[in-house]
């Protein structure tokens, strides 16, 4: 479906988010080396993962956190996706858990949890357009690689070119290894970043992740998918 859709939609980021594999967050937190991720996030050439779930495994996988099993069988529009450096998978999982279980913002996903067997550009496209908010995890590691820089530039351009995505890119400085403000790219300095160590962090989160905004984007996403599917069938 992803290939057919990309031929029809003129937007550079236009694919719908397919089923994502359920990831055991508790197990991810205890991995000894995050570099063992099946998706080499900072390789711009983007070789796809060699491990791919079978149809039976997909059907038997647990639903996305916050979703019922029936809902998980269908394509999911996430509330947020966290784009991060390969070395920051553990930190991304921690922030994901904080937002989902601390603030009730569900469902969310990190880039390392995107399905295997796809090119990086397709996964990035799916992640940005298959979620209401794109969180850029600003750490010392995020801007060291060309692929990571490409992630945030592409996300910003998508938010400018698509009206319903306006203000959907959220830079965030986490508690661990945050990127200093004076080294943050100018394009991101113009956006108010989430500062996890600030006193007003909770208020920032509540103001940004509005349910009404999510519902609006979800409705547009569903309608776009429906129209593309009809054109593809025709």
Protein backbone atom coordinates (compact mmCIF):
# COMPACT_ATOMS: atom_id res chain seq x y z
CA UNK A 1 0.00 0.00 0.00
CA UNK A 2 2.84 2.36 0.83
CA UNK A 3 4.35 2.18 -2.66
CA UNK A 4 1.07 2.77 -4.44
CA UNK A 5 0.21 5.69 -2.22
CA UNK A 6 3.51 7.45 -2.75
CA UNK A 7 2.91 7.51 -6.49
CA UNK A 8 -0.43 9.28 -6.11
CA UNK A 9 0.14 11.83 -3.39
CA UNK A 10 2.29 14.77 -4.56
CA UNK A 11 3.34 15.69 -1.01
CA UNK A 12 6.91 14.65 -0.10
CA UNK A 13 5.63 13.11 3.12
CA UNK A 14 2.34 11.43 2.41
CA UNK A 15 2.30 7.75 3.33
CA UNK A 16 -0.12 6.44 5.93
CA UNK A 17 1.24 4.62 8.98
CA UNK A 18 0.82 0.89 8.73
CA UNK A 19 0.69 -1.61 11.56
CA UNK A 20 3.59 -1.20 13.91
CA UNK A 21 5.14 -4.01 15.82
CA UNK A 22 4.35 -4.08 19.50
CA UNK A 23 7.49 -3.47 21.54
CA UNK A 24 7.95 -4.53 25.15
CA UNK A 25 9.07 -1.25 26.70
CA UNK A 26 10.21 -2.87 29.91
CA UNK A 27 12.53 -5.18 28.00
CA UNK A 28 13.88 -2.30 25.93
CA UNK A 29 14.83 -0.43 29.10
CA UNK A 30 17.05 -3.32 30.14
CA UNK A 31 18.89 -3.81 26.89
CA UNK A 32 22.61 -3.59 27.52
CA UNK A 33 23.48 -1.97 24.16
CA UNK A 34 20.97 0.24 22.31
CA UNK A 35 23.15 -0.04 19.21
CA UNK A 36 21.68 -3.52 18.68
CA UNK A 37 18.48 -1.95 17.35
CA UNK A 38 17.34 -3.57 14.12
CA UNK A 39 16.97 -0.16 12.50
CA UNK A 40 20.29 1.71 12.02
CA UNK A 41 18.75 5.13 12.51
CA UNK A 42 21.74 7.25 11.51
CA UNK A 43 22.66 5.46 8.27
CA UNK A 44 21.30 7.77 5.57
CA UNK A 45 21.74 5.07 2.94
CA UNK A 46 19.07 3.15 4.90
CA UNK A 47 19.30 -0.63 4.60
CA UNK A 48 16.04 -2.23 5.72
CA UNK A 49 15.89 -4.60 8.66
CA UNK A 50 16.39 -8.27 7.83
CA UNK A 51 14.01 -9.42 10.56
CA UNK A 52 10.37 -9.17 9.56
CA UNK A 53 7.33 -10.51 11.37
CA UNK A 54 5.22 -13.16 9.68
CA UNK A 55 1.50 -12.68 9.20
CA UNK A 56 0.75 -14.95 12.11
CA UNK A 57 3.11 -13.06 14.40
CA UNK A 58 1.54 -9.74 13.43
CA UNK A 59 -1.92 -11.05 14.20
CA UNK A 60 -0.77 -12.45 17.52
CA UNK A 61 1.16 -9.39 18.66
CA UNK A 62 -0.13 -7.37 21.55
CA UNK A 63 -2.00 -4.15 20.79
CA UNK A 64 -0.42 -0.70 20.96
CA UNK A 65 -0.27 0.68 24.49
CA UNK A 66 -3.55 2.36 25.25
CA UNK A 67 -5.42 0.58 22.43
CA UNK A 68 -7.62 -2.53 22.48
CA UNK A 69 -6.61 -5.65 20.53
CA UNK A 70 -9.30 -4.97 17.92
CA UNK A 71 -8.08 -1.41 17.42
CA UNK A 72 -4.50 -2.58 17.14
CA UNK A 73 -5.52 -4.83 14.21
CA UNK A 74 -6.25 -1.66 12.23
CA UNK A 75 -3.85 1.07 11.23
CA UNK A 76 -3.20 3.42 14.13
CA UNK A 77 -2.87 7.19 14.11
CA UNK A 78 -0.46 7.92 16.96
CA UNK A 79 -0.56 10.94 19.19
CA UNK A 80 3.19 11.42 18.97
CA UNK A 81 6.34 9.97 17.47
CA UNK A 82 9.78 10.59 18.98
CA UNK A 83 12.63 11.06 16.49
CA UNK A 84 15.94 10.34 18.15
CA UNK A 85 19.55 9.35 17.60
CA UNK A 86 20.49 5.68 17.63
CA UNK A 87 22.40 6.10 20.89
CA UNK A 88 19.32 7.65 22.53
CA UNK A 89 16.91 4.73 22.25
CA UNK A 90 16.82 4.21 26.03
CA UNK A 91 16.16 7.89 26.63
CA UNK A 92 13.48 7.94 23.95
CA UNK A 93 11.76 4.98 25.61
CA UNK A 94 11.89 6.76 28.95
CA UNK A 95 10.27 9.90 27.49
CA UNK A 96 7.68 7.77 25.71
CA UNK A 97 6.80 6.10 29.01
CA UNK A 98 6.65 9.49 30.76
CA UNK A 99 4.22 10.94 28.23
CA UNK A 100 2.04 7.85 28.00
CA UNK A 101 1.88 6.78 31.62
CA UNK A 102 2.67 10.06 33.37
CA UNK A 103 0.41 12.29 31.27
CA UNK A 104 -1.94 9.79 29.62
CA UNK A 105 -0.92 10.80 26.07
CA UNK A 106 -1.55 7.50 24.27
CA UNK A 107 -0.68 5.92 21.93
CA UNK A 108 2.85 7.07 21.21
CA UNK A 109 5.80 5.52 19.41
CA UNK A 110 9.55 6.03 19.05
CA UNK A 111 11.30 5.80 15.68
CA UNK A 112 13.13 2.59 16.65
CA UNK A 113 9.74 0.88 17.01
CA UNK A 114 8.77 1.49 13.38
CA UNK A 115 8.19 -1.76 11.46
CA UNK A 116 11.22 -3.50 10.00
CA UNK A 117 11.60 -4.39 6.35
CA UNK A 118 11.16 -0.82 5.09
CA UNK A 119 13.48 1.88 3.83
CA UNK A 120 14.27 4.65 6.33
CA UNK A 121 12.63 7.35 4.21
CA UNK A 122 9.36 5.45 4.12
CA UNK A 123 9.49 4.88 7.87
CA UNK A 124 10.19 8.58 8.46
CA UNK A 125 7.31 9.49 6.16
CA UNK A 126 4.98 7.09 7.96
CA UNK A 127 6.10 8.28 11.40
CA UNK A 128 5.60 12.01 10.73
CA UNK A 129 2.30 11.74 8.88
CA UNK A 130 0.95 8.90 11.01
CA UNK A 131 1.08 10.93 14.22
CA UNK A 132 -0.28 14.24 15.46
CA UNK A 133 2.99 15.52 16.96
CA UNK A 134 6.63 14.94 16.04
CA UNK A 135 8.96 15.18 19.04
CA UNK A 136 12.63 15.85 18.28
CA UNK A 137 14.73 14.51 21.16
CA UNK A 138 17.45 17.16 21.38
CA UNK A 139 20.49 15.53 22.92
CA UNK A 140 24.21 15.78 22.27
CA UNK A 141 23.83 12.79 19.94
CA UNK A 142 20.96 14.04 17.78
CA UNK A 143 22.87 16.41 15.49
CA UNK A 144 26.03 14.35 15.06
CA UNK A 145 24.75 12.39 12.07
CA UNK A 146 23.50 13.41 8.63
CA UNK A 147 20.43 11.17 8.90
CA UNK A 148 19.36 12.75 12.19
CA UNK A 149 19.73 16.25 10.73
CA UNK A 150 17.64 15.18 7.76
CA UNK A 151 14.91 14.01 10.13
CA UNK A 152 14.34 17.39 11.70
CA UNK A 153 14.62 19.40 8.46
CA UNK A 154 12.08 17.11 6.78
CA UNK A 155 9.72 17.33 9.74
CA UNK A 156 9.88 21.13 9.75
CA UNK A 157 9.22 21.36 6.01
CA UNK A 158 6.25 19.04 6.36
CA UNK A 159 4.76 21.21 9.11
CA UNK A 160 5.14 24.29 6.90
CA UNK A 161 3.74 22.75 3.72
CA UNK A 162 0.71 21.10 5.30
CA UNK A 163 -1.67 23.43 7.13
CA UNK A 164 -3.02 20.89 9.61
CA UNK A 165 0.56 20.04 10.63
CA UNK A 166 1.35 23.60 11.70
CA UNK A 167 2.99 23.66 15.16
CA UNK A 168 3.17 19.86 15.18
CA UNK A 169 6.98 19.69 15.52
CA UNK A 170 8.03 19.78 19.18
CA UNK A 171 11.74 20.03 20.08
CA UNK A 172 12.40 18.55 23.52
CA UNK A 173 15.44 18.71 25.76
CA UNK A 174 15.27 15.67 28.04
CA UNK A 175 16.85 15.39 31.45
CA UNK A 176 19.75 13.26 30.26
CA UNK A 177 22.43 14.66 27.95
CA UNK A 178 20.40 17.62 26.59
CA UNK A 179 21.67 19.67 23.65
CA UNK A 180 22.72 23.15 24.86
CA UNK A 181 20.60 26.03 23.57
CA UNK A 182 23.59 27.81 22.02
CA UNK A 183 24.31 24.74 19.87
CA UNK A 184 20.74 24.22 18.75
CA UNK A 185 20.18 24.90 15.03
CA UNK A 186 18.56 28.27 14.35
CA UNK A 187 15.53 26.66 12.72
CA UNK A 188 14.73 24.91 16.00
CA UNK A 189 15.48 27.90 18.22
CA UNK A 190 12.44 29.66 16.73
CA UNK A 191 10.19 26.97 18.24
CA UNK A 192 9.46 26.84 21.95
CA UNK A 193 11.07 23.63 23.14
CA UNK A 194 9.82 21.34 25.86
CA UNK A 195 12.30 21.59 28.73
CA UNK A 196 11.97 18.54 30.97
CA UNK A 197 14.03 20.13 33.75
CA UNK A 198 11.90 23.30 33.89
CA UNK A 199 9.26 23.96 36.54
CA UNK A 200 6.65 24.60 33.89
CA UNK A 201 7.17 21.31 32.06
CA UNK A 202 3.82 19.86 33.13
CA UNK A 203 1.99 22.99 31.99
CA UNK A 204 3.83 22.94 28.66
CA UNK A 205 2.80 19.35 28.02
CA UNK A 206 -0.85 20.03 28.84
CA UNK A 207 -0.96 23.07 26.55
CA UNK A 208 0.68 21.33 23.59
CA UNK A 209 -1.01 17.93 23.48
CA UNK A 210 -4.63 19.00 23.07
CA UNK A 211 -7.15 16.25 22.37
CA UNK A 212 -9.05 18.48 19.95
CA UNK A 213 -5.92 18.94 17.81
CA UNK A 214 -5.34 15.20 17.78
CA UNK A 215 -8.93 14.49 16.70
CA UNK A 216 -8.70 17.03 13.87
CA UNK A 217 -5.48 15.56 12.52
CA UNK A 218 -6.80 12.03 12.89
CA UNK A 219 -9.91 12.87 10.86
CA UNK A 220 -7.80 14.41 8.07
CA UNK A 221 -5.48 11.40 8.10
CA UNK A 222 -8.39 8.97 7.77
CA UNK A 223 -10.01 10.97 4.98
CA UNK A 224 -6.72 11.21 3.07
CA UNK A 225 -6.16 7.48 3.35
CA UNK A 226 -9.68 6.79 2.14
CA UNK A 227 -9.30 9.06 -0.90
CA UNK A 228 -5.95 7.57 -1.87
CA UNK A 229 -7.28 4.03 -1.53
CA UNK A 230 -10.22 4.88 -3.78
CA UNK A 231 -7.89 6.39 -6.41
CA UNK A 232 -5.61 3.37 -6.19
CA UNK A 233 -8.52 0.96 -6.72
CA UNK A 234 -9.82 3.03 -9.64
